[in-house]
């Protein structure tokens, strides 16, 4: 179990209803920034690789992000939302299922 300490700014102008929002904002800001950074990196790679027609490949970025493992929920976002793995031509087989045994 992890322990963490969060220091909240104390002012007399904050009501008791304001304090939970201060705590939640502190907890979620880093997560949102991390997600945005990952998406920016993926988009940057797509722009560099596909150059002029990168916008035609945005669905691939969305697919890759939604079906990649995320450490917080310990599963892919698609799997968390639909309680099953994505069924696509890229994910029908287990890793190594069709590997050549002679290699």
PDB file of N, CA and C in Angstrom:
ATOM      1  N   UNK A   1       0.849  -1.168   0.000  1.00  0.00           N
ATOM      2  CA  UNK A   1       0.000   0.000   0.000  1.00  0.00           C
ATOM      3  C   UNK A   1       0.897   1.234   0.000  1.00  0.00           C
ATOM      4  N   UNK A   2       0.551   2.188  -0.789  1.00  0.00           N
ATOM      5  CA  UNK A   2       1.343   3.409  -0.887  1.00  0.00           C
ATOM      6  C   UNK A   2       0.747   4.487   0.007  1.00  0.00           C
ATOM      7  N   UNK A   3       1.636   5.244   0.614  1.00  0.00           N
ATOM      8  CA  UNK A   3       1.203   6.376   1.419  1.00  0.00           C
ATOM      9  C   UNK A   3       1.589   7.646   0.687  1.00  0.00           C
ATOM     10  N   UNK A   4       0.739   8.629   0.769  1.00  0.00           N
ATOM     11  CA  UNK A   4       1.057   9.906   0.151  1.00  0.00           C
ATOM     12  C   UNK A   4       0.525  11.030   1.027  1.00  0.00           C
ATOM     13  N   UNK A   5       1.194  12.138   0.939  1.00  0.00           N
ATOM     14  CA  UNK A   5       0.803  13.316   1.695  1.00  0.00           C
ATOM     15  C   UNK A   5       0.472  14.422   0.718  1.00  0.00           C
ATOM     16  N   UNK A   6      -0.624  15.071   0.950  1.00  0.00           N
ATOM     17  CA  UNK A   6      -1.033  16.190   0.107  1.00  0.00           C
ATOM     18  C   UNK A   6      -1.250  17.394   1.008  1.00  0.00           C
ATOM     19  N   UNK A   7      -0.539  18.451   0.712  1.00  0.00           N
ATOM     20  CA  UNK A   7      -0.687  19.680   1.470  1.00  0.00           C
ATOM     21  C   UNK A   7      -1.691  20.572   0.760  1.00  0.00           C
ATOM     22  N   UNK A   8      -2.726  20.936   1.466  1.00  0.00           N
ATOM     23  CA  UNK A   8      -3.765  21.779   0.903  1.00  0.00           C
ATOM     24  C   UNK A   8      -3.575  23.205   1.396  1.00  0.00           C
ATOM     25  N   UNK A   9      -3.748  24.170   0.518  1.00  0.00           N
ATOM     26  CA  UNK A   9      -3.648  25.559   0.970  1.00  0.00           C
ATOM     27  C   UNK A   9      -4.801  25.873   1.921  1.00  0.00           C
ATOM     28  N   UNK A  10      -4.477  26.452   3.031  1.00  0.00           N
ATOM     29  CA  UNK A  10      -5.501  26.744   4.032  1.00  0.00           C
ATOM     30  C   UNK A  10      -5.750  28.239   4.043  1.00  0.00           C
ATOM     31  N   UNK A  11      -6.981  28.591   3.749  1.00  0.00           N
ATOM     32  CA  UNK A  11      -7.425  29.978   3.801  1.00  0.00           C
ATOM     33  C   UNK A  11      -8.791  29.989   4.470  1.00  0.00           C
ATOM     34  N   UNK A  12      -9.103  31.070   5.054  1.00  0.00           N
ATOM     35  CA  UNK A  12     -10.417  31.157   5.682  1.00  0.00           C
ATOM     36  C   UNK A  12     -11.518  31.308   4.641  1.00  0.00           C
ATOM     37  N   UNK A  13     -11.150  31.669   3.410  1.00  0.00           N
ATOM     38  CA  UNK A  13     -12.185  31.854   2.388  1.00  0.00           C
ATOM     39  C   UNK A  13     -12.658  30.530   1.782  1.00  0.00           C
ATOM     40  N   UNK A  14     -11.958  29.424   2.061  1.00  0.00           N
ATOM     41  CA  UNK A  14     -12.399  28.133   1.543  1.00  0.00           C
ATOM     42  C   UNK A  14     -13.476  27.555   2.452  1.00  0.00           C
ATOM     43  N   UNK A  15     -14.530  27.061   1.850  1.00  0.00           N
ATOM     44  CA  UNK A  15     -15.570  26.400   2.632  1.00  0.00           C
ATOM     45  C   UNK A  15     -15.243  24.910   2.722  1.00  0.00           C
ATOM     46  N   UNK A  16     -15.982  24.205   3.535  1.00  0.00           N
ATOM     47  CA  UNK A  16     -15.735  22.767   3.679  1.00  0.00           C
ATOM     48  C   UNK A  16     -16.029  22.017   2.377  1.00  0.00           C
ATOM     49  N   UNK A  17     -16.866  22.580   1.508  1.00  0.00           N
ATOM     50  CA  UNK A  17     -17.146  21.959   0.218  1.00  0.00           C
ATOM     51  C   UNK A  17     -15.985  22.141  -0.766  1.00  0.00           C
ATOM     52  N   UNK A  18     -15.176  23.189  -0.566  1.00  0.00           N
ATOM     53  CA  UNK A  18     -14.056  23.462  -1.475  1.00  0.00           C
ATOM     54  C   UNK A  18     -12.882  22.511  -1.270  1.00  0.00           C
ATOM     55  N   UNK A  19     -12.667  22.032  -0.060  1.00  0.00           N
ATOM     56  CA  UNK A  19     -11.492  21.216   0.221  1.00  0.00           C
ATOM     57  C   UNK A  19     -11.450  19.895  -0.553  1.00  0.00           C
ATOM     58  N   UNK A  20     -12.539  19.161  -0.673  1.00  0.00           N
ATOM     59  CA  UNK A  20     -12.456  17.936  -1.490  1.00  0.00           C
ATOM     60  C   UNK A  20     -12.053  18.218  -2.938  1.00  0.00           C
ATOM     61  N   UNK A  21     -12.521  19.306  -3.508  1.00  0.00           N
ATOM     62  CA  UNK A  21     -12.158  19.637  -4.889  1.00  0.00           C
ATOM     63  C   UNK A  21     -10.677  19.976  -5.001  1.00  0.00           C
ATOM     64  N   UNK A  22     -10.109  20.623  -3.999  1.00  0.00           N
ATOM     65  CA  UNK A  22      -8.676  20.911  -4.008  1.00  0.00           C
ATOM     66  C   UNK A  22      -7.879  19.613  -4.000  1.00  0.00           C
ATOM     67  N   UNK A  23      -8.318  18.650  -3.222  1.00  0.00           N
ATOM     68  CA  UNK A  23      -7.631  17.366  -3.134  1.00  0.00           C
ATOM     69  C   UNK A  23      -7.744  16.602  -4.450  1.00  0.00           C
ATOM     70  N   UNK A  24      -8.935  16.517  -5.025  1.00  0.00           N
ATOM     71  CA  UNK A  24      -9.148  15.791  -6.280  1.00  0.00           C
ATOM     72  C   UNK A  24      -8.364  16.441  -7.409  1.00  0.00           C
ATOM     73  N   UNK A  25      -8.345  17.756  -7.477  1.00  0.00           N
ATOM     74  CA  UNK A  25      -7.605  18.457  -8.521  1.00  0.00           C
ATOM     75  C   UNK A  25      -6.120  18.133  -8.435  1.00  0.00           C
ATOM     76  N   UNK A  26      -5.566  18.114  -7.237  1.00  0.00           N
ATOM     77  CA  UNK A  26      -4.149  17.784  -7.063  1.00  0.00           C
ATOM     78  C   UNK A  26      -3.868  16.360  -7.523  1.00  0.00           C
ATOM     79  N   UNK A  27      -4.787  15.442  -7.284  1.00  0.00           N
ATOM     80  CA  UNK A  27      -4.578  14.040  -7.631  1.00  0.00           C
ATOM     81  C   UNK A  27      -4.687  13.795  -9.130  1.00  0.00           C
ATOM     82  N   UNK A  28      -5.566  14.495  -9.823  1.00  0.00           N
ATOM     83  CA  UNK A  28      -5.825  14.185 -11.227  1.00  0.00           C
ATOM     84  C   UNK A  28      -4.996  14.998 -12.206  1.00  0.00           C
ATOM     85  N   UNK A  29      -4.435  16.118 -11.803  1.00  0.00           N
ATOM     86  CA  UNK A  29      -3.686  16.958 -12.734  1.00  0.00           C
ATOM     87  C   UNK A  29      -2.522  16.217 -13.374  1.00  0.00           C
ATOM     88  N   UNK A  30      -1.754  15.481 -12.616  1.00  0.00           N
ATOM     89  CA  UNK A  30      -0.609  14.759 -13.158  1.00  0.00           C
ATOM     90  C   UNK A  30      -1.023  13.660 -14.118  1.00  0.00           C
ATOM     91  N   UNK A  31      -2.132  12.994 -13.836  1.00  0.00           N
ATOM     92  CA  UNK A  31      -2.609  11.919 -14.703  1.00  0.00           C
ATOM     93  C   UNK A  31      -3.023  12.467 -16.056  1.00  0.00           C
ATOM     94  N   UNK A  32      -3.728  13.576 -16.063  1.00  0.00           N
ATOM     95  CA  UNK A  32      -4.162  14.169 -17.329  1.00  0.00           C
ATOM     96  C   UNK A  32      -2.962  14.635 -18.141  1.00  0.00           C
ATOM     97  N   UNK A  33      -1.989  15.245 -17.482  1.00  0.00           N
ATOM     98  CA  UNK A  33      -0.793  15.710 -18.189  1.00  0.00           C
ATOM     99  C   UNK A  33      -0.026  14.547 -18.798  1.00  0.00           C
ATOM    100  N   UNK A  34       0.050  13.433 -18.087  1.00  0.00           N
ATOM    101  CA  UNK A  34       0.750  12.249 -18.598  1.00  0.00           C
ATOM    102  C   UNK A  34       0.036  11.694 -19.835  1.00  0.00           C
ATOM    103  N   UNK A  35      -1.282  11.608 -19.778  1.00  0.00           N
ATOM    104  CA  UNK A  35      -2.058  11.113 -20.921  1.00  0.00           C
ATOM    105  C   UNK A  35      -1.893  12.026 -22.127  1.00  0.00           C
ATOM    106  N   UNK A  36      -1.955  13.324 -21.902  1.00  0.00           N
ATOM    107  CA  UNK A  36      -1.787  14.282 -22.996  1.00  0.00           C
ATOM    108  C   UNK A  36      -0.401  14.150 -23.614  1.00  0.00           C
ATOM    109  N   UNK A  37       0.622  13.954 -22.787  1.00  0.00           N
ATOM    110  CA  UNK A  37       1.988  13.797 -23.297  1.00  0.00           C
ATOM    111  C   UNK A  37       2.111  12.545 -24.163  1.00  0.00           C
ATOM    112  N   UNK A  38       1.500  11.455 -23.745  1.00  0.00           N
ATOM    113  CA  UNK A  38       1.534  10.219 -24.537  1.00  0.00           C
ATOM    114  C   UNK A  38       0.854  10.438 -25.883  1.00  0.00           C
ATOM    115  N   UNK A  39      -0.314  11.060 -25.877  1.00  0.00           N
ATOM    116  CA  UNK A  39      -1.030  11.301 -27.130  1.00  0.00           C
ATOM    117  C   UNK A  39      -0.265  12.257 -28.038  1.00  0.00           C
ATOM    118  N   UNK A  40       0.379  13.269 -27.460  1.00  0.00           N
ATOM    119  CA  UNK A  40       1.204  14.183 -28.266  1.00  0.00           C
ATOM    120  C   UNK A  40       2.363  13.438 -28.921  1.00  0.00           C
ATOM    121  N   UNK A  41       3.007  12.552 -28.171  1.00  0.00           N
ATOM    122  CA  UNK A  41       4.119  11.774 -28.724  1.00  0.00           C
ATOM    123  C   UNK A  41       3.649  10.867 -29.857  1.00  0.00           C
ATOM    124  N   UNK A  42       2.499  10.234 -29.673  1.00  0.00           N
ATOM    125  CA  UNK A  42       1.966   9.361 -30.723  1.00  0.00           C
ATOM    126  C   UNK A  42       1.616  10.166 -31.970  1.00  0.00           C
ATOM    127  N   UNK A  43       1.000  11.319 -31.783  1.00  0.00           N
ATOM    128  CA  UNK A  43       0.630  12.170 -32.912  1.00  0.00           C
ATOM    129  C   UNK A  43       1.869  12.703 -33.623  1.00  0.00           C
ATOM    130  N   UNK A  44       2.869  13.104 -32.859  1.00  0.00           N
ATOM    131  CA  UNK A  44       4.119  13.599 -33.449  1.00  0.00           C
ATOM    132  C   UNK A  44       4.778  12.518 -34.316  1.00  0.00           C
ATOM    133  N   UNK A  45       4.804  11.293 -33.830  1.00  0.00           N
ATOM    134  CA  UNK A  45       5.376  10.187 -34.603  1.00  0.00           C
ATOM    135  C   UNK A  45       4.598   9.953 -35.886  1.00  0.00           C
ATOM    136  N   UNK A  46       3.284  10.047 -35.805  1.00  0.00           N
ATOM    137  CA  UNK A  46       2.431   9.855 -36.984  1.00  0.00           C
ATOM    138  C   UNK A  46       2.678  10.949 -38.011  1.00  0.00           C
ATOM    139  N   UNK A  47       2.817  12.190 -37.564  1.00  0.00           N
ATOM    140  CA  UNK A  47       3.070  13.310 -38.479  1.00  0.00           C
ATOM    141  C   UNK A  47       4.416  13.132 -39.171  1.00  0.00           C
ATOM    142  N   UNK A  48       5.427  12.716 -38.423  1.00  0.00           N
ATOM    143  CA  UNK A  48       6.756  12.522 -39.010  1.00  0.00           C
ATOM    144  C   UNK A  48       6.749  11.368 -40.006  1.00  0.00           C
ATOM    145  N   UNK A  49       6.102  10.267 -39.658  1.00  0.00           N
ATOM    146  CA  UNK A  49       6.133   9.078 -40.503  1.00  0.00           C
ATOM    147  C   UNK A  49       5.273   9.233 -41.757  1.00  0.00           C
ATOM    148  N   UNK A  50       4.055   9.753 -41.598  1.00  0.00           N
ATOM    149  CA  UNK A  50       3.125   9.827 -42.727  1.00  0.00           C
ATOM    150  C   UNK A  50       3.156  11.166 -43.453  1.00  0.00           C
ATOM    151  N   UNK A  51       3.882  12.117 -42.940  1.00  0.00           N
ATOM    152  CA  UNK A  51       4.075  13.443 -43.537  1.00  0.00           C
ATOM    153  C   UNK A  51       2.774  14.106 -43.981  1.00  0.00           C
ATOM    154  N   UNK A  52       2.486  14.183 -45.275  1.00  0.00           N
ATOM    155  CA  UNK A  52       1.373  14.969 -45.797  1.00  0.00           C
ATOM    156  C   UNK A  52      -0.011  14.450 -45.475  1.00  0.00           C
ATOM    157  N   UNK A  53      -0.167  13.145 -45.307  1.00  0.00           N
ATOM    158  CA  UNK A  53      -1.518  12.609 -45.086  1.00  0.00           C
ATOM    159  C   UNK A  53      -1.650  11.958 -43.708  1.00  0.00           C
ATOM    160  N   UNK A  54      -1.036  12.563 -42.708  1.00  0.00           N
ATOM    161  CA  UNK A  54      -1.077  12.011 -41.361  1.00  0.00           C
ATOM    162  C   UNK A  54      -2.490  11.976 -40.794  1.00  0.00           C
ATOM    163  N   UNK A  55      -3.331  12.922 -41.186  1.00  0.00           N
ATOM    164  CA  UNK A  55      -4.683  12.980 -40.633  1.00  0.00           C
ATOM    165  C   UNK A  55      -5.542  11.797 -41.076  1.00  0.00           C
ATOM    166  N   UNK A  56      -5.168  11.126 -42.148  1.00  0.00           N
ATOM    167  CA  UNK A  56      -5.899   9.938 -42.589  1.00  0.00           C
ATOM    168  C   UNK A  56      -5.596   8.729 -41.705  1.00  0.00           C
ATOM    169  N   UNK A  57      -4.601   8.839 -40.851  1.00  0.00           N
ATOM    170  CA  UNK A  57      -4.175   7.714 -40.025  1.00  0.00           C
ATOM    171  C   UNK A  57      -4.468   7.929 -38.541  1.00  0.00           C
ATOM    172  N   UNK A  58      -5.278   8.919 -38.210  1.00  0.00           N
ATOM    173  CA  UNK A  58      -5.595   9.183 -36.804  1.00  0.00           C
ATOM    174  C   UNK A  58      -6.333   8.015 -36.155  1.00  0.00           C
ATOM    175  N   UNK A  59      -7.105   7.276 -36.945  1.00  0.00           N
ATOM    176  CA  UNK A  59      -7.815   6.127 -36.387  1.00  0.00           C
ATOM    177  C   UNK A  59      -6.835   5.073 -35.870  1.00  0.00           C
ATOM    178  N   UNK A  60      -5.645   4.993 -36.472  1.00  0.00           N
ATOM    179  CA  UNK A  60      -4.631   4.045 -36.007  1.00  0.00           C
ATOM    180  C   UNK A  60      -4.081   4.462 -34.644  1.00  0.00           C
ATOM    181  N   UNK A  61      -3.921   5.767 -34.430  1.00  0.00           N
ATOM    182  CA  UNK A  61      -3.462   6.259 -33.129  1.00  0.00           C
ATOM    183  C   UNK A  61      -4.514   5.956 -32.067  1.00  0.00           C
ATOM    184  N   UNK A  62      -5.761   6.209 -32.399  1.00  0.00           N
ATOM    185  CA  UNK A  62      -6.842   5.933 -31.458  1.00  0.00           C
ATOM    186  C   UNK A  62      -6.892   4.450 -31.113  1.00  0.00           C
ATOM    187  N   UNK A  63      -6.786   3.595 -32.120  1.00  0.00           N
ATOM    188  CA  UNK A  63      -6.805   2.150 -31.896  1.00  0.00           C
ATOM    189  C   UNK A  63      -5.630   1.727 -31.014  1.00  0.00           C
ATOM    190  N   UNK A  64      -4.436   2.232 -31.326  1.00  0.00           N
ATOM    191  CA  UNK A  64      -3.243   1.857 -30.564  1.00  0.00           C
ATOM    192  C   UNK A  64      -3.365   2.288 -29.105  1.00  0.00           C
ATOM    193  N   UNK A  65      -3.849   3.492 -28.868  1.00  0.00           N
ATOM    194  CA  UNK A  65      -3.972   3.979 -27.494  1.00  0.00           C
ATOM    195  C   UNK A  65      -5.033   3.196 -26.723  1.00  0.00           C
ATOM    196  N   UNK A  66      -6.186   2.981 -27.341  1.00  0.00           N
ATOM    197  CA  UNK A  66      -7.292   2.313 -26.654  1.00  0.00           C
ATOM    198  C   UNK A  66      -7.051   0.835 -26.410  1.00  0.00           C
ATOM    199  N   UNK A  67      -6.101   0.244 -27.113  1.00  0.00           N
ATOM    200  CA  UNK A  67      -5.841  -1.182 -26.953  1.00  0.00           C
ATOM    201  C   UNK A  67      -4.471  -1.481 -26.363  1.00  0.00           C
ATOM    202  N   UNK A  68      -3.792  -0.462 -25.855  1.00  0.00           N
ATOM    203  CA  UNK A  68      -2.502  -0.672 -25.206  1.00  0.00           C
ATOM    204  C   UNK A  68      -2.706  -0.781 -23.694  1.00  0.00           C
ATOM    205  N   UNK A  69      -1.831  -1.522 -23.059  1.00  0.00           N
ATOM    206  CA  UNK A  69      -1.906  -1.748 -21.615  1.00  0.00           C
ATOM    207  C   UNK A  69      -1.643  -0.446 -20.859  1.00  0.00           C
ATOM    208  N   UNK A  70      -2.477  -0.176 -19.863  1.00  0.00           N
ATOM    209  CA  UNK A  70      -2.298   0.988 -18.994  1.00  0.00           C
ATOM    210  C   UNK A  70      -2.108   0.470 -17.574  1.00  0.00           C
ATOM    211  N   UNK A  71      -1.119   1.002 -16.890  1.00  0.00           N
ATOM    212  CA  UNK A  71      -0.764   0.468 -15.578  1.00  0.00           C
ATOM    213  C   UNK A  71      -1.793   0.775 -14.488  1.00  0.00           C
ATOM    214  N   UNK A  72      -2.486   1.886 -14.577  1.00  0.00           N
ATOM    215  CA  UNK A  72      -3.423   2.245 -13.520  1.00  0.00           C
ATOM    216  C   UNK A  72      -4.589   1.254 -13.422  1.00  0.00           C
ATOM    217  N   UNK A  73      -5.335   1.010 -14.504  1.00  0.00           N
ATOM    218  CA  UNK A  73      -6.403   0.010 -14.398  1.00  0.00           C
ATOM    219  C   UNK A  73      -5.903  -1.417 -14.626  1.00  0.00           C
ATOM    220  N   UNK A  74      -4.614  -1.555 -15.001  1.00  0.00           N
ATOM    221  CA  UNK A  74      -3.989  -2.847 -15.298  1.00  0.00           C
ATOM    222  C   UNK A  74      -4.654  -3.559 -16.465  1.00  0.00           C
ATOM    223  N   UNK A  75      -5.081  -2.774 -17.437  1.00  0.00           N
ATOM    224  CA  UNK A  75      -5.677  -3.303 -18.665  1.00  0.00           C
ATOM    225  C   UNK A  75      -5.776  -2.173 -19.679  1.00  0.00           C
ATOM    226  N   UNK A  76      -6.187  -2.510 -20.876  1.00  0.00           N
ATOM    227  CA  UNK A  76      -6.383  -1.504 -21.918  1.00  0.00           C
ATOM    228  C   UNK A  76      -7.694  -0.761 -21.672  1.00  0.00           C
ATOM    229  N   UNK A  77      -7.803   0.507 -22.084  1.00  0.00           N
ATOM    230  CA  UNK A  77      -9.056   1.245 -21.916  1.00  0.00           C
ATOM    231  C   UNK A  77     -10.254   0.540 -22.558  1.00  0.00           C
ATOM    232  N   UNK A  78     -10.057  -0.060 -23.738  1.00  0.00           N
ATOM    233  CA  UNK A  78     -11.151  -0.783 -24.391  1.00  0.00           C
ATOM    234  C   UNK A  78     -11.634  -1.920 -23.498  1.00  0.00           C
ATOM    235  N   UNK A  79     -10.693  -2.659 -22.931  1.00  0.00           N
ATOM    236  CA  UNK A  79     -11.030  -3.787 -22.073  1.00  0.00           C
ATOM    237  C   UNK A  79     -11.735  -3.320 -20.800  1.00  0.00           C
ATOM    238  N   UNK A  80     -11.317  -2.188 -20.253  1.00  0.00           N
ATOM    239  CA  UNK A  80     -11.958  -1.645 -19.053  1.00  0.00           C
ATOM    240  C   UNK A  80     -13.390  -1.204 -19.341  1.00  0.00           C
ATOM    241  N   UNK A  81     -13.614  -0.646 -20.520  1.00  0.00           N
ATOM    242  CA  UNK A  81     -14.938  -0.139 -20.870  1.00  0.00           C
ATOM    243  C   UNK A  81     -15.913  -1.252 -21.226  1.00  0.00           C
ATOM    244  N   UNK A  82     -15.461  -2.233 -22.015  1.00  0.00           N
ATOM    245  CA  UNK A  82     -16.361  -3.267 -22.529  1.00  0.00           C
ATOM    246  C   UNK A  82     -16.206  -4.624 -21.849  1.00  0.00           C
ATOM    247  N   UNK A  83     -15.308  -4.739 -20.875  1.00  0.00           N
ATOM    248  CA  UNK A  83     -15.073  -5.984 -20.133  1.00  0.00           C
ATOM    249  C   UNK A  83     -14.684  -7.145 -21.045  1.00  0.00           C
ATOM    250  N   UNK A  84     -14.030  -6.852 -22.131  1.00  0.00           N
ATOM    251  CA  UNK A  84     -13.520  -7.880 -23.041  1.00  0.00           C
ATOM    252  C   UNK A  84     -12.404  -7.258 -23.867  1.00  0.00           C
ATOM    253  N   UNK A  85     -11.577  -8.108 -24.431  1.00  0.00           N
ATOM    254  CA  UNK A  85     -10.505  -7.612 -25.286  1.00  0.00           C
ATOM    255  C   UNK A  85     -11.054  -7.259 -26.657  1.00  0.00           C
ATOM    256  N   UNK A  86     -10.376  -6.367 -27.315  1.00  0.00           N
ATOM    257  CA  UNK A  86     -10.784  -5.942 -28.651  1.00  0.00           C
ATOM    258  C   UNK A  86     -10.573  -7.079 -29.637  1.00  0.00           C
ATOM    259  N   UNK A  87     -11.585  -7.351 -30.438  1.00  0.00           N
ATOM    260  CA  UNK A  87     -11.479  -8.385 -31.465  1.00  0.00           C
ATOM    261  C   UNK A  87     -11.194  -7.699 -32.789  1.00  0.00           C
ATOM    262  N   UNK A  88      -9.951  -7.747 -33.192  1.00  0.00           N
ATOM    263  CA  UNK A  88      -9.542  -7.164 -34.458  1.00  0.00           C
ATOM    264  C   UNK A  88      -8.568  -8.127 -35.116  1.00  0.00           C
ATOM    265  N   UNK A  89      -8.273  -7.943 -36.398  1.00  0.00           N
ATOM    266  CA  UNK A  89      -7.313  -8.842 -37.044  1.00  0.00           C
ATOM    267  C   UNK A  89      -5.951  -8.836 -36.351  1.00  0.00           C
ATOM    268  N   UNK A  90      -5.643  -7.766 -35.613  1.00  0.00           N
ATOM    269  CA  UNK A  90      -4.352  -7.679 -34.941  1.00  0.00           C
ATOM    270  C   UNK A  90      -4.351  -8.384 -33.598  1.00  0.00           C
ATOM    271  N   UNK A  91      -5.511  -8.676 -33.042  1.00  0.00           N
ATOM    272  CA  UNK A  91      -5.557  -9.234 -31.700  1.00  0.00           C
ATOM    273  C   UNK A  91      -6.270 -10.563 -31.589  1.00  0.00           C
ATOM    274  N   UNK A  92      -6.452 -11.272 -32.678  1.00  0.00           N
ATOM    275  CA  UNK A  92      -7.166 -12.540 -32.620  1.00  0.00           C
ATOM    276  C   UNK A  92      -6.330 -13.671 -32.049  1.00  0.00           C
ATOM    277  N   UNK A  93      -5.029 -13.551 -32.078  1.00  0.00           N
ATOM    278  CA  UNK A  93      -4.166 -14.648 -31.681  1.00  0.00           C
ATOM    279  C   UNK A  93      -3.349 -14.264 -30.459  1.00  0.00           C
ATOM    280  N   UNK A  94      -3.036 -15.246 -29.654  1.00  0.00           N
ATOM    281  CA  UNK A  94      -2.165 -15.020 -28.507  1.00  0.00           C
ATOM    282  C   UNK A  94      -0.732 -14.854 -28.991  1.00  0.00           C
ATOM    283  N   UNK A  95       0.078 -14.179 -28.198  1.00  0.00           N
ATOM    284  CA  UNK A  95       1.474 -13.967 -28.551  1.00  0.00           C
ATOM    285  C   UNK A  95       2.168 -15.322 -28.657  1.00  0.00           C
ATOM    286  N   UNK A  96       2.844 -15.555 -29.759  1.00  0.00           N
ATOM    287  CA  UNK A  96       3.580 -16.798 -29.973  1.00  0.00           C
ATOM    288  C   UNK A  96       2.744 -17.961 -30.457  1.00  0.00           C
ATOM    289  N   UNK A  97       1.441 -17.776 -30.613  1.00  0.00           N
ATOM    290  CA  UNK A  97       0.573 -18.873 -31.022  1.00  0.00           C
ATOM    291  C   UNK A  97       0.944 -19.400 -32.402  1.00  0.00           C
ATOM    292  N   UNK A  98       1.317 -18.515 -33.302  1.00  0.00           N
ATOM    293  CA  UNK A  98       1.661 -18.925 -34.651  1.00  0.00           C
ATOM    294  C   UNK A  98       3.149 -18.750 -34.941  1.00  0.00           C
ATOM    295  N   UNK A  99       3.951 -18.794 -33.908  1.00  0.00           N
ATOM    296  CA  UNK A  99       5.395 -18.680 -34.102  1.00  0.00           C
ATOM    297  C   UNK A  99       5.919 -19.964 -34.730  1.00  0.00           C
ATOM    298  N   UNK A 100       6.875 -19.820 -35.593  1.00  0.00           N
ATOM    299  CA  UNK A 100       7.477 -20.965 -36.262  1.00  0.00           C
ATOM    300  C   UNK A 100       8.359 -21.711 -35.261  1.00  0.00           C
ATOM    301  N   UNK A 101       8.069 -22.989 -34.974  1.00  0.00           N
ATOM    302  CA  UNK A 101       8.869 -23.714 -33.979  1.00  0.00           C
ATOM    303  C   UNK A 101      10.294 -23.990 -34.456  1.00  0.00           C
ATOM    304  N   UNK A 102      10.549 -23.849 -35.758  1.00  0.00           N
ATOM    305  CA  UNK A 102      11.879 -24.121 -36.293  1.00  0.00           C
ATOM    306  C   UNK A 102      12.825 -22.932 -36.157  1.00  0.00           C
ATOM    307  N   UNK A 103      12.318 -21.792 -35.715  1.00  0.00           N
ATOM    308  CA  UNK A 103      13.179 -20.609 -35.587  1.00  0.00           C
ATOM    309  C   UNK A 103      14.007 -20.650 -34.335  1.00  0.00           C
TER     310      UNK A 103
END
